[in-house]
Each structure stands twice: as structure tokens, then as C-alpha cells.
Amino acid sequence: VLGDAPFYQALRRFEWYHPSRKLEHVHAASLAKPG
């Protein structure tokens, strides 16, 4: 049973749903090389 577009739009109204800083992003970015 999968969420549809209105379901995720409802979740996105909560600020905590997409925290701007996550350590997984920080670590993965360290693996990316210029170019």
C-alpha cells in the first residue's frame, strides 16, 4: 500500500519531515570528487 501525491504533500507540511542537515548527506558528499 503506497502513499500517493496528496499523502506526501500532507507529510511535507511538517518541517521535521525533511531535515536540512543529515549526516548521511555529509558523508556521501565527501565521496564526490570535482567534475
ModelCIF file with pLDDT and N, C-alpha, C, O atoms, coordinates in Angstrom:
data_MODEL
#
_entry.id   MODEL 
#
_entity.id                         1 
_entity.type                       polymer 
_entity.pdbx_number_of_molecules   1 
#
_entity_poly.entity_id                      1 
_entity_poly.type                           'polypeptide(L)' 
_entity_poly.nstd_linkage                   no 
_entity_poly.nstd_monomer                   no 
_entity_poly.pdbx_seq_one_letter_code       VLGDAPFYQALRRFEWYHPSRKLEHVHAASLAKPG 
_entity_poly.pdbx_seq_one_letter_code_can   VLGDAPFYQALRRFEWYHPSRKLEHVHAASLAKPG 
_entity_poly.pdbx_strand_id                 A 
#
loop_
_entity_poly_seq.entity_id 
_entity_poly_seq.num 
_entity_poly_seq.mon_id 
_entity_poly_seq.hetero 
1 1  VAL n 
1 2  LEU n 
1 3  GLY n 
1 4  ASP n 
1 5  ALA n 
1 6  PRO n 
1 7  PHE n 
1 8  TYR n 
1 9  GLN n 
1 10 ALA n 
1 11 LEU n 
1 12 ARG n 
1 13 ARG n 
1 14 PHE n 
1 15 GLU n 
1 16 TRP n 
1 17 TYR n 
1 18 HIS n 
1 19 PRO n 
1 20 SER n 
1 21 ARG n 
1 22 LYS n 
1 23 LEU n 
1 24 GLU n 
1 25 HIS n 
1 26 VAL n 
1 27 HIS n 
1 28 ALA n 
1 29 ALA n 
1 30 SER n 
1 31 LEU n 
1 32 ALA n 
1 33 LYS n 
1 34 PRO n 
1 35 GLY n 
#
_struct_asym.id          A 
_struct_asym.entity_id   1 
#
loop_
_ma_qa_metric.id 
_ma_qa_metric.mode 
_ma_qa_metric.name 
_ma_qa_metric.software_group_id 
_ma_qa_metric.type 
1 global pLDDT . pLDDT 
2 local  pLDDT . pLDDT 
#
_ma_qa_metric_global.metric_id      1 
_ma_qa_metric_global.metric_value   93.09 
_ma_qa_metric_global.model_id       1 
_ma_qa_metric_global.ordinal_id     1 
#
loop_
_ma_qa_metric_local.label_asym_id 
_ma_qa_metric_local.label_comp_id 
_ma_qa_metric_local.label_seq_id 
_ma_qa_metric_local.metric_id 
_ma_qa_metric_local.metric_value 
_ma_qa_metric_local.model_id 
_ma_qa_metric_local.ordinal_id 
A VAL 1  2 98.00 1 1  
A LEU 2  2 97.00 1 2  
A GLY 3  2 96.00 1 3  
A ASP 4  2 94.00 1 4  
A ALA 5  2 90.00 1 5  
A PRO 6  2 93.00 1 6  
A PHE 7  2 96.00 1 7  
A TYR 8  2 92.00 1 8  
A GLN 9  2 90.00 1 9  
A ALA 10 2 94.00 1 10 
A LEU 11 2 93.00 1 11 
A ARG 12 2 89.00 1 12 
A ARG 13 2 90.00 1 13 
A PHE 14 2 92.00 1 14 
A GLU 15 2 87.00 1 15 
A TRP 16 2 89.00 1 16 
A TYR 17 2 89.00 1 17 
A HIS 18 2 83.00 1 18 
A PRO 19 2 88.00 1 19 
A SER 20 2 80.00 1 20 
A ARG 21 2 89.00 1 21 
A LYS 22 2 95.00 1 22 
A LEU 23 2 97.00 1 23 
A GLU 24 2 97.00 1 24 
A HIS 25 2 97.00 1 25 
A VAL 26 2 97.00 1 26 
A HIS 27 2 97.00 1 27 
A ALA 28 2 97.00 1 28 
A ALA 29 2 97.00 1 29 
A SER 30 2 96.00 1 30 
A LEU 31 2 96.00 1 31 
A ALA 32 2 97.00 1 32 
A LYS 33 2 95.00 1 33 
A PRO 34 2 95.00 1 34 
A GLY 35 2 96.00 1 35 
#
loop_
_atom_site.group_PDB 
_atom_site.id 
_atom_site.type_symbol 
_atom_site.label_atom_id 
_atom_site.label_alt_id 
_atom_site.label_comp_id 
_atom_site.label_asym_id 
_atom_site.label_entity_id 
_atom_site.label_seq_id 
_atom_site.pdbx_PDB_ins_code 
_atom_site.Cartn_x 
_atom_site.Cartn_y 
_atom_site.Cartn_z 
_atom_site.occupancy 
_atom_site.B_iso_or_equiv 
_atom_site.pdbx_formal_charge 
_atom_site.auth_seq_id 
_atom_site.auth_comp_id 
_atom_site.auth_asym_id 
_atom_site.auth_atom_id 
_atom_site.pdbx_PDB_model_num 
ATOM 1   N N  . VAL A 1 1  ? 0.877  -1.171 0.000   1.00 98.00 ? 1  VAL A N  1 
ATOM 2   C CA . VAL A 1 1  ? 0.000  0.000  0.000   1.00 98.00 ? 1  VAL A CA 1 
ATOM 3   C C  . VAL A 1 1  ? 0.911  1.216  0.000   1.00 98.00 ? 1  VAL A C  1 
ATOM 4   O O  . VAL A 1 1  ? 1.591  1.489  0.989   1.00 98.00 ? 1  VAL A O  1 
ATOM 5   N N  . LEU A 1 2  ? 0.922  1.940  -1.101  1.00 97.00 ? 2  LEU A N  1 
ATOM 6   C CA . LEU A 1 2  ? 1.858  3.041  -1.304  1.00 97.00 ? 2  LEU A CA 1 
ATOM 7   C C  . LEU A 1 2  ? 1.190  4.393  -1.115  1.00 97.00 ? 2  LEU A C  1 
ATOM 8   O O  . LEU A 1 2  ? 0.027  4.576  -1.474  1.00 97.00 ? 2  LEU A O  1 
ATOM 9   N N  . GLY A 1 3  ? 1.924  5.332  -0.552  1.00 96.00 ? 3  GLY A N  1 
ATOM 10  C CA . GLY A 1 3  ? 1.428  6.690  -0.431  1.00 96.00 ? 3  GLY A CA 1 
ATOM 11  C C  . GLY A 1 3  ? 1.307  7.363  -1.784  1.00 96.00 ? 3  GLY A C  1 
ATOM 12  O O  . GLY A 1 3  ? 2.150  7.159  -2.658  1.00 96.00 ? 3  GLY A O  1 
ATOM 13  N N  . ASP A 1 4  ? 0.270  8.162  -1.964  1.00 94.00 ? 4  ASP A N  1 
ATOM 14  C CA . ASP A 1 4  ? 0.095  8.898  -3.210  1.00 94.00 ? 4  ASP A CA 1 
ATOM 15  C C  . ASP A 1 4  ? 0.579  10.336 -3.032  1.00 94.00 ? 4  ASP A C  1 
ATOM 16  O O  . ASP A 1 4  ? 1.066  10.706 -1.964  1.00 94.00 ? 4  ASP A O  1 
ATOM 17  N N  . ALA A 1 5  ? 0.443  11.144 -4.083  1.00 90.00 ? 5  ALA A N  1 
ATOM 18  C CA . ALA A 1 5  ? 0.945  12.523 -4.035  1.00 90.00 ? 5  ALA A CA 1 
ATOM 19  C C  . ALA A 1 5  ? 0.311  13.336 -2.901  1.00 90.00 ? 5  ALA A C  1 
ATOM 20  O O  . ALA A 1 5  ? 1.039  14.023 -2.184  1.00 90.00 ? 5  ALA A O  1 
ATOM 21  N N  . PRO A 1 6  ? -1.021 13.288 -2.706  1.00 93.00 ? 6  PRO A N  1 
ATOM 22  C CA . PRO A 1 6  ? -1.597 14.051 -1.589  1.00 93.00 ? 6  PRO A CA 1 
ATOM 23  C C  . PRO A 1 6  ? -1.070 13.598 -0.227  1.00 93.00 ? 6  PRO A C  1 
ATOM 24  O O  . PRO A 1 6  ? -0.918 14.413 0.683   1.00 93.00 ? 6  PRO A O  1 
ATOM 25  N N  . PHE A 1 7  ? -0.793 12.311 -0.089  1.00 96.00 ? 7  PHE A N  1 
ATOM 26  C CA . PHE A 1 7  ? -0.253 11.801 1.176   1.00 96.00 ? 7  PHE A CA 1 
ATOM 27  C C  . PHE A 1 7  ? 1.090  12.459 1.474   1.00 96.00 ? 7  PHE A C  1 
ATOM 28  O O  . PHE A 1 7  ? 1.309  12.946 2.583   1.00 96.00 ? 7  PHE A O  1 
ATOM 29  N N  . TYR A 1 8  ? 1.995  12.477 0.486   1.00 92.00 ? 8  TYR A N  1 
ATOM 30  C CA . TYR A 1 8  ? 3.314  13.056 0.725   1.00 92.00 ? 8  TYR A CA 1 
ATOM 31  C C  . TYR A 1 8  ? 3.268  14.576 0.827   1.00 92.00 ? 8  TYR A C  1 
ATOM 32  O O  . TYR A 1 8  ? 4.082  15.179 1.527   1.00 92.00 ? 8  TYR A O  1 
ATOM 33  N N  . GLN A 1 9  ? 2.332  15.188 0.142   1.00 90.00 ? 9  GLN A N  1 
ATOM 34  C CA . GLN A 1 9  ? 2.168  16.630 0.309   1.00 90.00 ? 9  GLN A CA 1 
ATOM 35  C C  . GLN A 1 9  ? 1.739  16.961 1.744   1.00 90.00 ? 9  GLN A C  1 
ATOM 36  O O  . GLN A 1 9  ? 2.170  17.962 2.317   1.00 90.00 ? 9  GLN A O  1 
ATOM 37  N N  . ALA A 1 10 ? 0.888  16.108 2.311   1.00 94.00 ? 10 ALA A N  1 
ATOM 38  C CA . ALA A 1 10 ? 0.460  16.306 3.698   1.00 94.00 ? 10 ALA A CA 1 
ATOM 39  C C  . ALA A 1 10 ? 1.626  16.129 4.661   1.00 94.00 ? 10 ALA A C  1 
ATOM 40  O O  . ALA A 1 10 ? 1.740  16.875 5.634   1.00 94.00 ? 10 ALA A O  1 
ATOM 41  N N  . LEU A 1 11 ? 2.485  15.161 4.405   1.00 93.00 ? 11 LEU A N  1 
ATOM 42  C CA . LEU A 1 11 ? 3.641  14.947 5.271   1.00 93.00 ? 11 LEU A CA 1 
ATOM 43  C C  . LEU A 1 11 ? 4.637  16.095 5.164   1.00 93.00 ? 11 LEU A C  1 
ATOM 44  O O  . LEU A 1 11 ? 5.252  16.475 6.160   1.00 93.00 ? 11 LEU A O  1 
ATOM 45  N N  . ARG A 1 12 ? 4.799  16.643 3.983   1.00 89.00 ? 12 ARG A N  1 
ATOM 46  C CA . ARG A 1 12 ? 5.795  17.692 3.782   1.00 89.00 ? 12 ARG A CA 1 
ATOM 47  C C  . ARG A 1 12 ? 5.453  18.992 4.516   1.00 89.00 ? 12 ARG A C  1 
ATOM 48  O O  . ARG A 1 12 ? 6.301  19.872 4.659   1.00 89.00 ? 12 ARG A O  1 
ATOM 49  N N  . ARG A 1 13 ? 4.238  19.101 4.969   1.00 90.00 ? 13 ARG A N  1 
ATOM 50  C CA . ARG A 1 13 ? 3.897  20.319 5.707   1.00 90.00 ? 13 ARG A CA 1 
ATOM 51  C C  . ARG A 1 13 ? 4.532  20.329 7.094   1.00 90.00 ? 13 ARG A C  1 
ATOM 52  O O  . ARG A 1 13 ? 4.593  21.372 7.745   1.00 90.00 ? 13 ARG A O  1 
ATOM 53  N N  . PHE A 1 14 ? 5.005  19.169 7.545   1.00 92.00 ? 14 PHE A N  1 
ATOM 54  C CA . PHE A 1 14 ? 5.721  19.090 8.809   1.00 92.00 ? 14 PHE A CA 1 
ATOM 55  C C  . PHE A 1 14 ? 7.208  19.378 8.552   1.00 92.00 ? 14 PHE A C  1 
ATOM 56  O O  . PHE A 1 14 ? 7.839  18.701 7.740   1.00 92.00 ? 14 PHE A O  1 
ATOM 57  N N  . GLU A 1 15 ? 7.752  20.362 9.228   1.00 87.00 ? 15 GLU A N  1 
ATOM 58  C CA . GLU A 1 15 ? 9.141  20.771 8.977   1.00 87.00 ? 15 GLU A CA 1 
ATOM 59  C C  . GLU A 1 15 ? 10.130 19.640 9.224   1.00 87.00 ? 15 GLU A C  1 
ATOM 60  O O  . GLU A 1 15 ? 11.152 19.554 8.544   1.00 87.00 ? 15 GLU A O  1 
ATOM 61  N N  . TRP A 1 16 ? 9.838  18.774 10.184  1.00 89.00 ? 16 TRP A N  1 
ATOM 62  C CA . TRP A 1 16 ? 10.774 17.706 10.528  1.00 89.00 ? 16 TRP A CA 1 
ATOM 63  C C  . TRP A 1 16 ? 10.848 16.625 9.451   1.00 89.00 ? 16 TRP A C  1 
ATOM 64  O O  . TRP A 1 16 ? 11.751 15.788 9.484   1.00 89.00 ? 16 TRP A O  1 
ATOM 65  N N  . TYR A 1 17 ? 9.922  16.628 8.503   1.00 89.00 ? 17 TYR A N  1 
ATOM 66  C CA . TYR A 1 17 ? 9.900  15.522 7.536   1.00 89.00 ? 17 TYR A CA 1 
ATOM 67  C C  . TYR A 1 17 ? 11.137 15.523 6.646   1.00 89.00 ? 17 TYR A C  1 
ATOM 68  O O  . TYR A 1 17 ? 11.624 14.458 6.266   1.00 89.00 ? 17 TYR A O  1 
ATOM 69  N N  . HIS A 1 18 ? 11.652 16.703 6.308   1.00 83.00 ? 18 HIS A N  1 
ATOM 70  C CA . HIS A 1 18 ? 12.876 16.797 5.513   1.00 83.00 ? 18 HIS A CA 1 
ATOM 71  C C  . HIS A 1 18 ? 13.882 17.676 6.254   1.00 83.00 ? 18 HIS A C  1 
ATOM 72  O O  . HIS A 1 18 ? 14.032 18.852 5.923   1.00 83.00 ? 18 HIS A O  1 
ATOM 73  N N  . PRO A 1 19 ? 14.571 17.122 7.250   1.00 88.00 ? 19 PRO A N  1 
ATOM 74  C CA . PRO A 1 19 ? 15.574 17.941 7.953   1.00 88.00 ? 19 PRO A CA 1 
ATOM 75  C C  . PRO A 1 19 ? 16.652 18.392 6.986   1.00 88.00 ? 19 PRO A C  1 
ATOM 76  O O  . PRO A 1 19 ? 17.104 17.615 6.145   1.00 88.00 ? 19 PRO A O  1 
ATOM 77  N N  . SER A 1 20 ? 17.063 19.642 7.103   1.00 80.00 ? 20 SER A N  1 
ATOM 78  C CA . SER A 1 20 ? 18.005 20.218 6.140   1.00 80.00 ? 20 SER A CA 1 
ATOM 79  C C  . SER A 1 20 ? 19.419 19.662 6.303   1.00 80.00 ? 20 SER A C  1 
ATOM 80  O O  . SER A 1 20 ? 20.197 19.659 5.349   1.00 80.00 ? 20 SER A O  1 
ATOM 81  N N  . ARG A 1 21 ? 19.757 19.192 7.504   1.00 89.00 ? 21 ARG A N  1 
ATOM 82  C CA . ARG A 1 21 ? 21.096 18.644 7.726   1.00 89.00 ? 21 ARG A CA 1 
ATOM 83  C C  . ARG A 1 21 ? 20.995 17.196 8.171   1.00 89.00 ? 21 ARG A C  1 
ATOM 84  O O  . ARG A 1 21 ? 20.363 16.884 9.181   1.00 89.00 ? 21 ARG A O  1 
ATOM 85  N N  . LYS A 1 22 ? 21.632 16.308 7.396   1.00 95.00 ? 22 LYS A N  1 
ATOM 86  C CA . LYS A 1 22 ? 21.673 14.898 7.757   1.00 95.00 ? 22 LYS A CA 1 
ATOM 87  C C  . LYS A 1 22 ? 23.097 14.393 7.559   1.00 95.00 ? 22 LYS A C  1 
ATOM 88  O O  . LYS A 1 22 ? 23.750 14.731 6.572   1.00 95.00 ? 22 LYS A O  1 
ATOM 89  N N  . LEU A 1 23 ? 23.565 13.597 8.484   1.00 97.00 ? 23 LEU A N  1 
ATOM 90  C CA . LEU A 1 23 ? 24.938 13.119 8.430   1.00 97.00 ? 23 LEU A CA 1 
ATOM 91  C C  . LEU A 1 23 ? 25.182 12.197 7.236   1.00 97.00 ? 23 LEU A C  1 
ATOM 92  O O  . LEU A 1 23 ? 26.311 12.117 6.751   1.00 97.00 ? 23 LEU A O  1 
ATOM 93  N N  . GLU A 1 24 ? 24.162 11.505 6.755   1.00 97.00 ? 24 GLU A N  1 
ATOM 94  C CA . GLU A 1 24 ? 24.349 10.672 5.576   1.00 97.00 ? 24 GLU A CA 1 
ATOM 95  C C  . GLU A 1 24 ? 24.690 11.540 4.362   1.00 97.00 ? 24 GLU A C  1 
ATOM 96  O O  . GLU A 1 24 ? 25.474 11.126 3.507   1.00 97.00 ? 24 GLU A O  1 
ATOM 97  N N  . HIS A 1 25 ? 24.106 12.743 4.282   1.00 97.00 ? 25 HIS A N  1 
ATOM 98  C CA . HIS A 1 25 ? 24.437 13.666 3.200   1.00 97.00 ? 25 HIS A CA 1 
ATOM 99  C C  . HIS A 1 25 ? 25.883 14.149 3.324   1.00 97.00 ? 25 HIS A C  1 
ATOM 100 O O  . HIS A 1 25 ? 26.618 14.217 2.339   1.00 97.00 ? 25 HIS A O  1 
ATOM 101 N N  . VAL A 1 26 ? 26.271 14.480 4.546   1.00 97.00 ? 26 VAL A N  1 
ATOM 102 C CA . VAL A 1 26 ? 27.635 14.961 4.769   1.00 97.00 ? 26 VAL A CA 1 
ATOM 103 C C  . VAL A 1 26 ? 28.652 13.906 4.353   1.00 97.00 ? 26 VAL A C  1 
ATOM 104 O O  . VAL A 1 26 ? 29.623 14.214 3.661   1.00 97.00 ? 26 VAL A O  1 
ATOM 105 N N  . HIS A 1 27 ? 28.434 12.673 4.768   1.00 97.00 ? 27 HIS A N  1 
ATOM 106 C CA . HIS A 1 27 ? 29.383 11.602 4.442   1.00 97.00 ? 27 HIS A CA 1 
ATOM 107 C C  . HIS A 1 27 ? 29.412 11.323 2.942   1.00 97.00 ? 27 HIS A C  1 
ATOM 108 O O  . HIS A 1 27 ? 30.486 11.205 2.354   1.00 97.00 ? 27 HIS A O  1 
ATOM 109 N N  . ALA A 1 28 ? 28.242 11.219 2.324   1.00 97.00 ? 28 ALA A N  1 
ATOM 110 C CA . ALA A 1 28 ? 28.196 10.925 0.890   1.00 97.00 ? 28 ALA A CA 1 
ATOM 111 C C  . ALA A 1 28 ? 28.851 12.026 0.078   1.00 97.00 ? 28 ALA A C  1 
ATOM 112 O O  . ALA A 1 28 ? 29.528 11.750 -0.912  1.00 97.00 ? 28 ALA A O  1 
ATOM 113 N N  . ALA A 1 29 ? 28.655 13.280 0.490   1.00 97.00 ? 29 ALA A N  1 
ATOM 114 C CA . ALA A 1 29 ? 29.267 14.396 -0.234  1.00 97.00 ? 29 ALA A CA 1 
ATOM 115 C C  . ALA A 1 29 ? 30.788 14.318 -0.186  1.00 97.00 ? 29 ALA A C  1 
ATOM 116 O O  . ALA A 1 29 ? 31.460 14.767 -1.115  1.00 97.00 ? 29 ALA A O  1 
ATOM 117 N N  . SER A 1 30 ? 31.334 13.754 0.882   1.00 96.00 ? 30 SER A N  1 
ATOM 118 C CA . SER A 1 30 ? 32.789 13.632 0.992   1.00 96.00 ? 30 SER A CA 1 
ATOM 119 C C  . SER A 1 30 ? 33.363 12.651 -0.016  1.00 96.00 ? 30 SER A C  1 
ATOM 120 O O  . SER A 1 30 ? 34.569 12.651 -0.266  1.00 96.00 ? 30 SER A O  1 
ATOM 121 N N  . LEU A 1 31 ? 32.505 11.814 -0.598  1.00 96.00 ? 31 LEU A N  1 
ATOM 122 C CA . LEU A 1 31 ? 32.953 10.820 -1.579  1.00 96.00 ? 31 LEU A CA 1 
ATOM 123 C C  . LEU A 1 31 ? 32.914 11.359 -3.006  1.00 96.00 ? 31 LEU A C  1 
ATOM 124 O O  . LEU A 1 31 ? 33.486 10.759 -3.916  1.00 96.00 ? 31 LEU A O  1 
ATOM 125 N N  . ALA A 1 32 ? 32.240 12.488 -3.199  1.00 97.00 ? 32 ALA A N  1 
ATOM 126 C CA . ALA A 1 32 ? 32.118 13.065 -4.541  1.00 97.00 ? 32 ALA A CA 1 
ATOM 127 C C  . ALA A 1 32 ? 33.350 13.900 -4.871  1.00 97.00 ? 32 ALA A C  1 
ATOM 128 O O  . ALA A 1 32 ? 33.801 14.708 -4.059  1.00 97.00 ? 32 ALA A O  1 
ATOM 129 N N  . LYS A 1 33 ? 33.884 13.698 -6.061  1.00 95.00 ? 33 LYS A N  1 
ATOM 130 C CA . LYS A 1 33 ? 35.074 14.418 -6.497  1.00 95.00 ? 33 LYS A CA 1 
ATOM 131 C C  . LYS A 1 33 ? 34.704 15.476 -7.543  1.00 95.00 ? 33 LYS A C  1 
ATOM 132 O O  . LYS A 1 33 ? 33.749 15.292 -8.298  1.00 95.00 ? 33 LYS A O  1 
ATOM 133 N N  . PRO A 1 34 ? 35.450 16.573 -7.590  1.00 95.00 ? 34 PRO A N  1 
ATOM 134 C CA . PRO A 1 34 ? 35.156 17.632 -8.561  1.00 95.00 ? 34 PRO A CA 1 
ATOM 135 C C  . PRO A 1 34 ? 35.094 17.079 -9.985  1.00 95.00 ? 34 PRO A C  1 
ATOM 136 O O  . PRO A 1 34 ? 35.915 16.252 -10.383 1.00 95.00 ? 34 PRO A O  1 
ATOM 137 N N  . GLY A 1 35 ? 34.114 17.547 -10.733 1.00 96.00 ? 35 GLY A N  1 
ATOM 138 C CA . GLY A 1 35 ? 33.949 17.139 -12.119 1.00 96.00 ? 35 GLY A CA 1 
ATOM 139 C C  . GLY A 1 35 ? 33.109 15.891 -12.311 1.00 96.00 ? 35 GLY A C  1 
ATOM 140 O O  . GLY A 1 35 ? 32.902 15.454 -13.443 1.00 96.00 ? 35 GLY A O  1 
#
